[in-house]
Amino acid sequence: MAVKYWIVMLLVGVVVGDPEAKAEAKAESKAEAEAEPEAALVLKSYGYTQAYHPSTYGPTYPSVTPGYPAYPAVTPGYAVTPVYPAVTPAYPAVTPAYPVYPSPKYPSHPAPAYPSPHYPIVDDYKCHGYEKVPKCTYNTTKPWCLYDLEYPEYEIIEAIHYHKENVLSLYADVADLSTANSVYRPRYLKEETYLCPSDTSYVRPLRAVNTEGHWRIIVNNVKVDYEVFTQTTRIEECLSYGPCPLVPHCHESKCLQKFIYHRFLVYDPCDKYFPFSIETFRLPSTCACLLGAYFL
């Protein structure tokens, strides 16, 4: 075993102890030793230590140059130009062979004369469906109606439900104007009589003509919830317009109808925002005796 150990050590020493390799390694270590103190001093003067750079100890390789020759750029020796000329159509412009006809001329005809329509023309002051003269006036000559088969009671009830608060404020303004007990009249002619005969009544009109000459729908006898909306007025009409019967013939006299202006709460079916308002109506109030000059 001892003989083998020395043989191996002898071979390693031959390999390691190559004089040329040792000389090269010694020269490199000397160069590094000479360069290291100089760099270490510079770094130490700034307070740094020398860093480790693997590239310093790695192998360096020479730049590789290709062994094949460099050829110049190839330029084509022919010119690429088209040898055919520009194409121009040889056929002429196409013109239609059919003749051009003028536009036809038709004879003018006069407008046909139709007769005027027979349906009634609705005035612009009211919407469609609001008649200027209601049908309840066909059987009376008075400017009011106490009976009306076309009275829009259902529409008035629905409108009052929708605008009840505002309607109540308007109705309170005219509710106190009821004349049911405002004028006293004797029951019998034995007690007292008037100079002119007259007919007195307390009415609740459903329609009437206002001071502007238009028929209006008056809110009357309409029950909403537990309240009945009524508007009563006193009317006195003269029965004759001749001389006053109780005035002596030496006095010129005649019976004269007098009027009063009364306000009513009315319903307007054409007003979609608030169809209620208060309007003024001229109604007969009393029959007076007008005396003229005295003569013998």
C-alpha atoms as a PDB file:
ATOM      1  CA  MET A   1       0.000   0.000   0.000  1.00  0.00           C
ATOM      2  CA  ALA A   2       2.887   2.374   0.796  1.00  0.00           C
ATOM      3  CA  VAL A   3       4.461   1.720  -2.587  1.00  0.00           C
ATOM      4  CA  LYS A   4       1.215   2.567  -4.391  1.00  0.00           C
ATOM      5  CA  TYR A   5       0.800   5.796  -2.398  1.00  0.00           C
ATOM      6  CA  TRP A   6       4.226   7.033  -3.382  1.00  0.00           C
ATOM      7  CA  ILE A   7       3.719   6.122  -7.013  1.00  0.00           C
ATOM      8  CA  VAL A   8       0.464   8.156  -7.084  1.00  0.00           C
ATOM      9  CA  MET A   9       2.088  11.120  -5.358  1.00  0.00           C
ATOM     10  CA  LEU A  10       4.980  10.951  -7.817  1.00  0.00           C
ATOM     11  CA  LEU A  11       2.589  11.113 -10.772  1.00  0.00           C
ATOM     12  CA  VAL A  12       0.630  14.051  -9.225  1.00  0.00           C
ATOM     13  CA  GLY A  13       3.856  15.875  -8.570  1.00  0.00           C
ATOM     14  CA  VAL A  14       4.931  15.425 -12.153  1.00  0.00           C
ATOM     15  CA  VAL A  15       1.614  16.828 -13.387  1.00  0.00           C
ATOM     16  CA  VAL A  16       1.426  19.611 -10.836  1.00  0.00           C
ATOM     17  CA  GLY A  17       5.041  20.382 -10.917  1.00  0.00           C
ATOM     18  CA  ASP A  18       5.234  21.222 -14.599  1.00  0.00           C
ATOM     19  CA  PRO A  19       7.815  24.038 -14.745  1.00  0.00           C
ATOM     20  CA  GLU A  20       6.105  25.986 -17.541  1.00  0.00           C
ATOM     21  CA  ALA A  21       2.660  25.917 -15.872  1.00  0.00           C
ATOM     22  CA  LYS A  22       4.186  26.948 -12.600  1.00  0.00           C
ATOM     23  CA  ALA A  23       5.962  29.867 -14.252  1.00  0.00           C
ATOM     24  CA  GLU A  24       2.758  31.147 -15.881  1.00  0.00           C
ATOM     25  CA  ALA A  25       0.755  30.845 -12.652  1.00  0.00           C
ATOM     26  CA  LYS A  26       3.488  32.610 -10.747  1.00  0.00           C
ATOM     27  CA  ALA A  27       3.540  35.495 -13.264  1.00  0.00           C
ATOM     28  CA  GLU A  28      -0.244  35.936 -13.107  1.00  0.00           C
ATOM     29  CA  SER A  29      -0.307  35.936  -9.311  1.00  0.00           C
ATOM     30  CA  LYS A  30       2.475  38.498  -9.254  1.00  0.00           C
ATOM     31  CA  ALA A  31       0.570  40.819 -11.653  1.00  0.00           C
ATOM     32  CA  GLU A  32      -2.554  40.510  -9.573  1.00  0.00           C
ATOM     33  CA  ALA A  33      -0.625  41.191  -6.416  1.00  0.00           C
ATOM     34  CA  GLU A  34       0.868  44.331  -7.938  1.00  0.00           C
ATOM     35  CA  ALA A  35      -2.500  45.618  -9.236  1.00  0.00           C
ATOM     36  CA  GLU A  36      -4.508  44.751  -6.150  1.00  0.00           C
ATOM     37  CA  PRO A  37      -2.883  47.086  -3.655  1.00  0.00           C
ATOM     38  CA  GLU A  38      -3.343  50.058  -5.946  1.00  0.00           C
ATOM     39  CA  ALA A  39      -7.102  49.418  -6.439  1.00  0.00           C
ATOM     40  CA  ALA A  40      -7.565  48.525  -2.780  1.00  0.00           C
ATOM     41  CA  LEU A  41      -5.987  51.823  -1.731  1.00  0.00           C
ATOM     42  CA  VAL A  42      -8.348  53.835  -3.962  1.00  0.00           C
ATOM     43  CA  LEU A  43     -11.407  52.021  -2.599  1.00  0.00           C
ATOM     44  CA  LYS A  44     -10.236  52.272   0.988  1.00  0.00           C
ATOM     45  CA  SER A  45      -9.702  56.030   0.627  1.00  0.00           C
ATOM     46  CA  TYR A  46     -13.499  56.362  -0.019  1.00  0.00           C
ATOM     47  CA  GLY A  47     -14.417  53.940   2.712  1.00  0.00           C
ATOM     48  CA  TYR A  48     -15.207  50.961   0.440  1.00  0.00           C
ATOM     49  CA  THR A  49     -13.753  47.518   0.185  1.00  0.00           C
ATOM     50  CA  GLN A  50     -12.866  45.853  -3.073  1.00  0.00           C
ATOM     51  CA  ALA A  51     -15.861  44.031  -4.580  1.00  0.00           C
ATOM     52  CA  TYR A  52     -15.703  40.650  -6.135  1.00  0.00           C
ATOM     53  CA  HIS A  53     -15.934  40.651  -9.956  1.00  0.00           C
ATOM     54  CA  PRO A  54     -16.285  37.243 -11.454  1.00  0.00           C
ATOM     55  CA  SER A  55     -15.309  38.570 -14.896  1.00  0.00           C
ATOM     56  CA  THR A  56     -11.822  39.284 -13.613  1.00  0.00           C
ATOM     57  CA  TYR A  57     -11.189  35.634 -12.959  1.00  0.00           C
ATOM     58  CA  GLY A  58     -13.175  34.158 -15.869  1.00  0.00           C
ATOM     59  CA  PRO A  59     -11.697  33.096 -19.184  1.00  0.00           C
ATOM     60  CA  THR A  60     -11.612  35.589 -22.106  1.00  0.00           C
ATOM     61  CA  TYR A  61     -12.443  34.542 -25.628  1.00  0.00           C
ATOM     62  CA  PRO A  62     -11.272  36.236 -28.840  1.00  0.00           C
ATOM     63  CA  SER A  63     -13.856  37.741 -31.245  1.00  0.00           C
ATOM     64  CA  VAL A  64     -14.966  35.311 -33.883  1.00  0.00           C
ATOM     65  CA  THR A  65     -14.603  36.423 -37.488  1.00  0.00           C
ATOM     66  CA  PRO A  66     -16.452  34.412 -40.162  1.00  0.00           C
ATOM     67  CA  GLY A  67     -14.210  32.537 -42.509  1.00  0.00           C
ATOM     68  CA  TYR A  68     -16.388  32.885 -45.594  1.00  0.00           C
ATOM     69  CA  PRO A  69     -15.728  35.817 -48.022  1.00  0.00           C
ATOM     70  CA  ALA A  70     -18.089  38.874 -48.061  1.00  0.00           C
ATOM     71  CA  TYR A  71     -19.959  39.202 -51.334  1.00  0.00           C
ATOM     72  CA  PRO A  72     -21.180  42.565 -52.728  1.00  0.00           C
ATOM     73  CA  ALA A  73     -24.948  43.393 -52.980  1.00  0.00           C
ATOM     74  CA  VAL A  74     -26.590  41.978 -56.069  1.00  0.00           C
ATOM     75  CA  THR A  75     -28.263  44.567 -58.390  1.00  0.00           C
ATOM     76  CA  PRO A  76     -30.564  43.312 -61.170  1.00  0.00           C
ATOM     77  CA  GLY A  77     -29.295  44.126 -64.668  1.00  0.00           C
ATOM     78  CA  TYR A  78     -32.748  44.592 -66.299  1.00  0.00           C
ATOM     79  CA  ALA A  79     -35.197  47.515 -66.033  1.00  0.00           C
ATOM     80  CA  VAL A  80     -38.733  46.627 -64.890  1.00  0.00           C
ATOM     81  CA  THR A  81     -40.941  48.843 -67.084  1.00  0.00           C
ATOM     82  CA  PRO A  82     -44.226  47.893 -68.773  1.00  0.00           C
ATOM     83  CA  VAL A  83     -43.958  47.595 -72.536  1.00  0.00           C
ATOM     84  CA  TYR A  84     -47.736  47.858 -73.261  1.00  0.00           C
ATOM     85  CA  PRO A  85     -49.419  51.270 -73.799  1.00  0.00           C
ATOM     86  CA  ALA A  86     -52.348  52.685 -71.821  1.00  0.00           C
ATOM     87  CA  VAL A  87     -55.709  51.113 -72.703  1.00  0.00           C
ATOM     88  CA  THR A  88     -58.216  53.517 -74.307  1.00  0.00           C
ATOM     89  CA  PRO A  89     -61.758  52.354 -75.218  1.00  0.00           C
ATOM     90  CA  ALA A  90     -62.316  52.397 -78.954  1.00  0.00           C
ATOM     91  CA  TYR A  91     -66.170  52.424 -78.927  1.00  0.00           C
ATOM     92  CA  PRO A  92     -68.122  55.709 -79.107  1.00  0.00           C
ATOM     93  CA  ALA A  93     -70.573  57.028 -76.479  1.00  0.00           C
ATOM     94  CA  VAL A  94     -73.912  55.193 -76.491  1.00  0.00           C
ATOM     95  CA  THR A  95     -76.909  57.329 -77.442  1.00  0.00           C
ATOM     96  CA  PRO A  96     -80.465  55.951 -76.990  1.00  0.00           C
ATOM     97  CA  ALA A  97     -82.207  55.267 -80.252  1.00  0.00           C
ATOM     98  CA  TYR A  98     -85.783  55.811 -78.998  1.00  0.00           C
ATOM     99  CA  PRO A  99     -87.375  59.274 -79.398  1.00  0.00           C
ATOM    100  CA  VAL A 100     -87.926  61.597 -76.441  1.00  0.00           C
ATOM    101  CA  TYR A 101     -91.626  62.240 -75.884  1.00  0.00           C
ATOM    102  CA  PRO A 102     -92.887  65.465 -74.254  1.00  0.00           C
ATOM    103  CA  SER A 103     -94.739  65.345 -70.949  1.00  0.00           C
ATOM    104  CA  PRO A 104     -98.486  64.789 -71.380  1.00  0.00           C
ATOM    105  CA  LYS A 105    -100.839  67.718 -70.983  1.00  0.00           C
ATOM    106  CA  TYR A 106    -104.192  66.991 -69.385  1.00  0.00           C
ATOM    107  CA  PRO A 107    -107.183  69.278 -69.668  1.00  0.00           C
ATOM    108  CA  SER A 108    -107.927  71.253 -66.520  1.00  0.00           C
ATOM    109  CA  HIS A 109    -111.278  70.666 -64.818  1.00  0.00           C
ATOM    110  CA  PRO A 110    -112.990  73.143 -62.533  1.00  0.00           C
ATOM    111  CA  ALA A 111    -113.471  72.216 -58.892  1.00  0.00           C
ATOM    112  CA  PRO A 112    -116.836  70.526 -58.248  1.00  0.00           C
ATOM    113  CA  ALA A 113    -119.410  72.730 -56.599  1.00  0.00           C
ATOM    114  CA  TYR A 114    -120.833  70.839 -53.627  1.00  0.00           C
ATOM    115  CA  PRO A 115    -123.715  72.210 -51.590  1.00  0.00           C
ATOM    116  CA  SER A 116    -122.935  73.608 -48.161  1.00  0.00           C
ATOM    117  CA  PRO A 117    -123.143  71.041 -45.334  1.00  0.00           C
ATOM    118  CA  HIS A 118    -126.364  70.824 -43.398  1.00  0.00           C
ATOM    119  CA  TYR A 119    -124.840  69.931 -40.031  1.00  0.00           C
ATOM    120  CA  PRO A 120    -124.797  72.749 -37.436  1.00  0.00           C
ATOM    121  CA  ILE A 121    -121.613  74.771 -37.055  1.00  0.00           C
ATOM    122  CA  VAL A 122    -120.207  74.678 -33.525  1.00  0.00           C
ATOM    123  CA  ASP A 123    -119.163  78.034 -32.133  1.00  0.00           C
ATOM    124  CA  ASP A 124    -115.559  78.542 -31.131  1.00  0.00           C
ATOM    125  CA  TYR A 125    -116.425  79.801 -27.670  1.00  0.00           C
ATOM    126  CA  LYS A 126    -117.123  76.270 -26.445  1.00  0.00           C
ATOM    127  CA  CYS A 127    -115.715  72.827 -27.113  1.00  0.00           C
ATOM    128  CA  HIS A 128    -117.433  70.108 -29.092  1.00  0.00           C
ATOM    129  CA  GLY A 129    -120.368  68.563 -27.244  1.00  0.00           C
ATOM    130  CA  TYR A 130    -121.199  71.696 -25.229  1.00  0.00           C
ATOM    131  CA  GLU A 131    -124.341  72.892 -26.982  1.00  0.00           C
ATOM    132  CA  LYS A 132    -124.993  76.598 -27.332  1.00  0.00           C
ATOM    133  CA  VAL A 133    -128.710  76.094 -26.695  1.00  0.00           C
ATOM    134  CA  PRO A 134    -129.584  72.992 -24.633  1.00  0.00           C
ATOM    135  CA  LYS A 135    -132.562  70.816 -25.485  1.00  0.00           C
ATOM    136  CA  CYS A 136    -134.333  71.673 -22.234  1.00  0.00           C
ATOM    137  CA  THR A 137    -135.250  75.085 -23.729  1.00  0.00           C
ATOM    138  CA  TYR A 138    -137.388  73.570 -26.472  1.00  0.00           C
ATOM    139  CA  ASN A 139    -140.512  73.595 -24.252  1.00  0.00           C
ATOM    140  CA  THR A 140    -139.996  76.909 -22.482  1.00  0.00           C
ATOM    141  CA  THR A 141    -139.371  80.553 -23.310  1.00  0.00           C
ATOM    142  CA  LYS A 142    -137.619  81.400 -20.056  1.00  0.00           C
ATOM    143  CA  PRO A 143    -133.823  81.854 -19.820  1.00  0.00           C
ATOM    144  CA  TRP A 144    -133.480  79.006 -17.322  1.00  0.00           C
ATOM    145  CA  CYS A 145    -134.334  75.298 -17.083  1.00  0.00           C
ATOM    146  CA  LEU A 146    -135.772  73.627 -14.010  1.00  0.00           C
ATOM    147  CA  TYR A 147    -135.847  70.165 -15.644  1.00  0.00           C
ATOM    148  CA  ASP A 148    -133.084  68.754 -17.814  1.00  0.00           C
ATOM    149  CA  LEU A 149    -132.925  65.168 -19.076  1.00  0.00           C
ATOM    150  CA  GLU A 150    -129.306  65.689 -20.237  1.00  0.00           C
ATOM    151  CA  TYR A 151    -128.046  67.130 -16.973  1.00  0.00           C
ATOM    152  CA  PRO A 152    -124.488  65.734 -16.398  1.00  0.00           C
ATOM    153  CA  GLU A 153    -124.986  64.777 -12.766  1.00  0.00           C
ATOM    154  CA  TYR A 154    -122.499  61.861 -12.805  1.00  0.00           C
ATOM    155  CA  GLU A 155    -119.739  64.017 -14.349  1.00  0.00           C
ATOM    156  CA  ILE A 156    -120.339  66.771 -11.785  1.00  0.00           C
ATOM    157  CA  ILE A 157    -120.097  64.292  -8.892  1.00  0.00           C
ATOM    158  CA  GLU A 158    -116.816  62.891 -10.176  1.00  0.00           C
ATOM    159  CA  ALA A 159    -115.380  66.393 -10.685  1.00  0.00           C
ATOM    160  CA  ILE A 160    -116.403  67.470  -7.170  1.00  0.00           C
ATOM    161  CA  HIS A 161    -114.723  64.361  -5.717  1.00  0.00           C
ATOM    162  CA  TYR A 162    -111.512  65.282  -7.521  1.00  0.00           C
ATOM    163  CA  HIS A 163    -111.598  69.030  -6.634  1.00  0.00           C
ATOM    164  CA  LYS A 164    -113.627  68.847  -3.440  1.00  0.00           C
ATOM    165  CA  GLU A 165    -111.541  71.233  -1.327  1.00  0.00           C
ATOM    166  CA  ASN A 166    -111.558  74.000  -3.932  1.00  0.00           C
ATOM    167  CA  VAL A 167    -115.223  73.434  -4.776  1.00  0.00           C
ATOM    168  CA  LEU A 168    -116.220  73.757  -1.112  1.00  0.00           C
ATOM    169  CA  SER A 169    -114.456  77.116  -0.888  1.00  0.00           C
ATOM    170  CA  LEU A 170    -116.411  78.383  -3.910  1.00  0.00           C
ATOM    171  CA  TYR A 171    -119.665  76.890  -2.694  1.00  0.00           C
ATOM    172  CA  ALA A 172    -119.307  78.577   0.697  1.00  0.00           C
ATOM    173  CA  ASP A 173    -119.253  81.909  -1.119  1.00  0.00           C
ATOM    174  CA  VAL A 174    -122.663  81.361  -2.722  1.00  0.00           C
ATOM    175  CA  ALA A 175    -124.358  79.081  -0.169  1.00  0.00           C
ATOM    176  CA  ASP A 176    -125.280  82.047   2.044  1.00  0.00           C
ATOM    177  CA  LEU A 177    -127.062  83.751  -0.845  1.00  0.00           C
ATOM    178  CA  SER A 178    -130.058  81.453  -0.595  1.00  0.00           C
ATOM    179  CA  THR A 179    -133.232  83.579  -0.742  1.00  0.00           C
ATOM    180  CA  ALA A 180    -135.658  81.011   0.639  1.00  0.00           C
ATOM    181  CA  ASN A 181    -136.455  83.240   3.640  1.00  0.00           C
ATOM    182  CA  SER A 182    -135.027  86.571   2.536  1.00  0.00           C
ATOM    183  CA  VAL A 183    -138.312  88.222   1.393  1.00  0.00           C
ATOM    184  CA  TYR A 184    -141.590  88.021   3.283  1.00  0.00           C
ATOM    185  CA  ARG A 185    -144.771  87.755   1.224  1.00  0.00           C
ATOM    186  CA  PRO A 186    -148.317  87.585   2.611  1.00  0.00           C
ATOM    187  CA  ARG A 187    -150.147  84.351   2.129  1.00  0.00           C
ATOM    188  CA  TYR A 188    -153.567  85.863   1.404  1.00  0.00           C
ATOM    189  CA  LEU A 189    -154.674  88.919  -0.587  1.00  0.00           C
ATOM    190  CA  LYS A 190    -156.897  90.001   2.290  1.00  0.00           C
ATOM    191  CA  GLU A 191    -153.831  90.872   4.300  1.00  0.00           C
ATOM    192  CA  GLU A 192    -152.040  92.881   1.627  1.00  0.00           C
ATOM    193  CA  THR A 193    -151.758  93.019  -2.096  1.00  0.00           C
ATOM    194  CA  TYR A 194    -149.288  94.386  -4.642  1.00  0.00           C
ATOM    195  CA  LEU A 195    -150.048  97.057  -7.198  1.00  0.00           C
ATOM    196  CA  CYS A 196    -149.230  94.681 -10.046  1.00  0.00           C
ATOM    197  CA  PRO A 197    -150.128  90.989 -10.231  1.00  0.00           C
ATOM    198  CA  SER A 198    -147.077  88.722 -10.196  1.00  0.00           C
ATOM    199  CA  ASP A 199    -146.031  85.133  -9.782  1.00  0.00           C
ATOM    200  CA  THR A 200    -143.404  84.408  -7.148  1.00  0.00           C
ATOM    201  CA  SER A 201    -141.502  81.126  -6.787  1.00  0.00           C
ATOM    202  CA  TYR A 202    -138.314  79.726  -5.284  1.00  0.00           C
ATOM    203  CA  VAL A 203    -136.432  77.719  -7.858  1.00  0.00           C
ATOM    204  CA  ARG A 204    -133.239  75.694  -8.217  1.00  0.00           C
ATOM    205  CA  PRO A 205    -132.263  76.076 -11.883  1.00  0.00           C
ATOM    206  CA  LEU A 206    -130.181  73.397 -13.585  1.00  0.00           C
ATOM    207  CA  ARG A 207    -129.256  75.570 -16.553  1.00  0.00           C
ATOM    208  CA  ALA A 208    -129.482  79.310 -17.124  1.00  0.00           C
ATOM    209  CA  VAL A 209    -128.229  82.118 -19.380  1.00  0.00           C
ATOM    210  CA  ASN A 210    -125.485  84.220 -17.821  1.00  0.00           C
ATOM    211  CA  THR A 211    -124.948  87.945 -18.267  1.00  0.00           C
ATOM    212  CA  GLU A 212    -122.802  87.284 -21.367  1.00  0.00           C
ATOM    213  CA  GLY A 213    -125.645  85.462 -23.105  1.00  0.00           C
ATOM    214  CA  HIS A 214    -124.254  81.909 -22.802  1.00  0.00           C
ATOM    215  CA  TRP A 215    -125.998  78.890 -21.334  1.00  0.00           C
ATOM    216  CA  ARG A 216    -124.281  77.421 -18.308  1.00  0.00           C
ATOM    217  CA  ILE A 217    -124.706  74.258 -16.231  1.00  0.00           C
ATOM    218  CA  ILE A 218    -125.531  75.161 -12.619  1.00  0.00           C
ATOM    219  CA  VAL A 219    -124.512  72.819  -9.801  1.00  0.00           C
ATOM    220  CA  ASN A 220    -127.822  71.960  -8.151  1.00  0.00           C
ATOM    221  CA  ASN A 221    -129.375  68.974  -6.384  1.00  0.00           C
ATOM    222  CA  VAL A 222    -126.078  67.079  -6.528  1.00  0.00           C
ATOM    223  CA  LYS A 223    -125.276  64.754  -3.626  1.00  0.00           C
ATOM    224  CA  VAL A 224    -121.599  64.099  -2.925  1.00  0.00           C
ATOM    225  CA  ASP A 225    -120.833  61.841   0.035  1.00  0.00           C
ATOM    226  CA  TYR A 226    -123.210  63.117   2.734  1.00  0.00           C
ATOM    227  CA  GLU A 227    -123.629  66.666   1.436  1.00  0.00           C
ATOM    228  CA  VAL A 228    -126.181  67.931  -1.089  1.00  0.00           C
ATOM    229  CA  PHE A 229    -125.145  70.934  -3.169  1.00  0.00           C
ATOM    230  CA  THR A 230    -128.178  73.178  -3.727  1.00  0.00           C
ATOM    231  CA  GLN A 231    -128.578  76.794  -4.892  1.00  0.00           C
ATOM    232  CA  THR A 232    -131.982  78.408  -4.439  1.00  0.00           C
ATOM    233  CA  THR A 233    -133.129  81.795  -5.702  1.00  0.00           C
ATOM    234  CA  ARG A 234    -136.361  83.781  -5.551  1.00  0.00           C
ATOM    235  CA  ILE A 235    -138.043  84.712  -8.841  1.00  0.00           C
ATOM    236  CA  GLU A 236    -140.988  87.084  -9.231  1.00  0.00           C
ATOM    237  CA  GLU A 237    -142.486  87.598 -12.692  1.00  0.00           C
ATOM    238  CA  CYS A 238    -145.133  90.049 -13.778  1.00  0.00           C
ATOM    239  CA  LEU A 239    -148.373  88.511 -14.987  1.00  0.00           C
ATOM    240  CA  SER A 240    -149.338  91.626 -16.996  1.00  0.00           C
ATOM    241  CA  TYR A 241    -147.582  94.732 -18.269  1.00  0.00           C
ATOM    242  CA  GLY A 242    -150.603  97.035 -18.545  1.00  0.00           C
ATOM    243  CA  PRO A 243    -151.849  99.770 -16.198  1.00  0.00           C
ATOM    244  CA  CYS A 244    -151.603  99.027 -12.520  1.00  0.00           C
ATOM    245  CA  PRO A 245    -155.044  97.752 -11.494  1.00  0.00           C
ATOM    246  CA  LEU A 246    -155.194  99.477  -8.097  1.00  0.00           C
ATOM    247  CA  VAL A 247    -153.996 102.908  -9.292  1.00  0.00           C
ATOM    248  CA  PRO A 248    -156.660 105.525 -10.235  1.00  0.00           C
ATOM    249  CA  HIS A 249    -157.046 106.259 -13.928  1.00  0.00           C
ATOM    250  CA  CYS A 250    -156.048 109.869 -13.412  1.00  0.00           C
ATOM    251  CA  HIS A 251    -152.489 108.625 -13.001  1.00  0.00           C
ATOM    252  CA  GLU A 252    -150.542 107.160 -15.877  1.00  0.00           C
ATOM    253  CA  SER A 253    -149.175 103.833 -14.719  1.00  0.00           C
ATOM    254  CA  LYS A 254    -147.931 100.504 -15.960  1.00  0.00           C
ATOM    255  CA  CYS A 255    -146.464  97.305 -14.534  1.00  0.00           C
ATOM    256  CA  LEU A 256    -142.710  96.960 -14.940  1.00  0.00           C
ATOM    257  CA  GLN A 257    -140.530  93.889 -14.515  1.00  0.00           C
ATOM    258  CA  LYS A 258    -137.428  94.432 -12.405  1.00  0.00           C
ATOM    259  CA  PHE A 259    -134.334  92.189 -12.320  1.00  0.00           C
ATOM    260  CA  ILE A 260    -131.591  91.241  -9.925  1.00  0.00           C
ATOM    261  CA  TYR A 261    -128.124  89.789 -10.515  1.00  0.00           C
ATOM    262  CA  HIS A 262    -127.546  86.476  -8.818  1.00  0.00           C
ATOM    263  CA  ARG A 263    -124.360  84.409  -8.605  1.00  0.00           C
ATOM    264  CA  PHE A 264    -124.281  80.642  -9.102  1.00  0.00           C
ATOM    265  CA  LEU A 265    -121.630  77.925  -8.932  1.00  0.00           C
ATOM    266  CA  VAL A 266    -121.435  76.500 -12.471  1.00  0.00           C
ATOM    267  CA  TYR A 267    -119.801  73.452 -14.060  1.00  0.00           C
ATOM    268  CA  ASP A 268    -117.869  73.737 -17.329  1.00  0.00           C
ATOM    269  CA  PRO A 269    -117.320  70.329 -19.022  1.00  0.00           C
ATOM    270  CA  CYS A 270    -114.744  71.820 -21.428  1.00  0.00           C
ATOM    271  CA  ASP A 271    -112.348  72.937 -18.698  1.00  0.00           C
ATOM    272  CA  LYS A 272    -110.117  69.926 -17.955  1.00  0.00           C
ATOM    273  CA  TYR A 273    -108.083  71.616 -15.202  1.00  0.00           C
ATOM    274  CA  PHE A 274    -110.723  73.081 -12.866  1.00  0.00           C
ATOM    275  CA  PRO A 275    -114.246  72.889 -14.318  1.00  0.00           C
ATOM    276  CA  PHE A 276    -115.949  75.007 -11.640  1.00  0.00           C
ATOM    277  CA  SER A 277    -116.428  78.758 -11.379  1.00  0.00           C
ATOM    278  CA  ILE A 278    -118.862  81.394 -10.157  1.00  0.00           C
ATOM    279  CA  GLU A 279    -120.760  83.362 -12.799  1.00  0.00           C
ATOM    280  CA  THR A 280    -123.449  86.052 -12.697  1.00  0.00           C
ATOM    281  CA  PHE A 281    -127.018  85.625 -13.967  1.00  0.00           C
ATOM    282  CA  ARG A 282    -129.802  88.178 -14.518  1.00  0.00           C
ATOM    283  CA  LEU A 283    -133.084  86.936 -13.048  1.00  0.00           C
ATOM    284  CA  PRO A 284    -136.496  88.594 -12.505  1.00  0.00           C
ATOM    285  CA  SER A 285    -136.847  89.745  -8.915  1.00  0.00           C
ATOM    286  CA  THR A 286    -140.013  91.840  -8.583  1.00  0.00           C
ATOM    287  CA  CYS A 287    -142.920  93.412 -10.481  1.00  0.00           C
ATOM    288  CA  ALA A 288    -143.128  97.150  -9.845  1.00  0.00           C
ATOM    289  CA  CYS A 289    -145.724  99.778 -10.728  1.00  0.00           C
ATOM    290  CA  LEU A 290    -144.353 102.732 -12.667  1.00  0.00           C
ATOM    291  CA  LEU A 291    -146.351 105.989 -12.245  1.00  0.00           C
ATOM    292  CA  GLY A 292    -146.328 108.727 -14.849  1.00  0.00           C
ATOM    293  CA  ALA A 293    -147.441 112.400 -14.823  1.00  0.00           C
ATOM    294  CA  TYR A 294    -150.612 113.406 -12.923  1.00  0.00           C
ATOM    295  CA  PHE A 295    -153.487 114.887 -14.943  1.00  0.00           C
ATOM    296  CA  LEU A 296    -157.226 115.720 -14.327  1.00  0.00           C
END
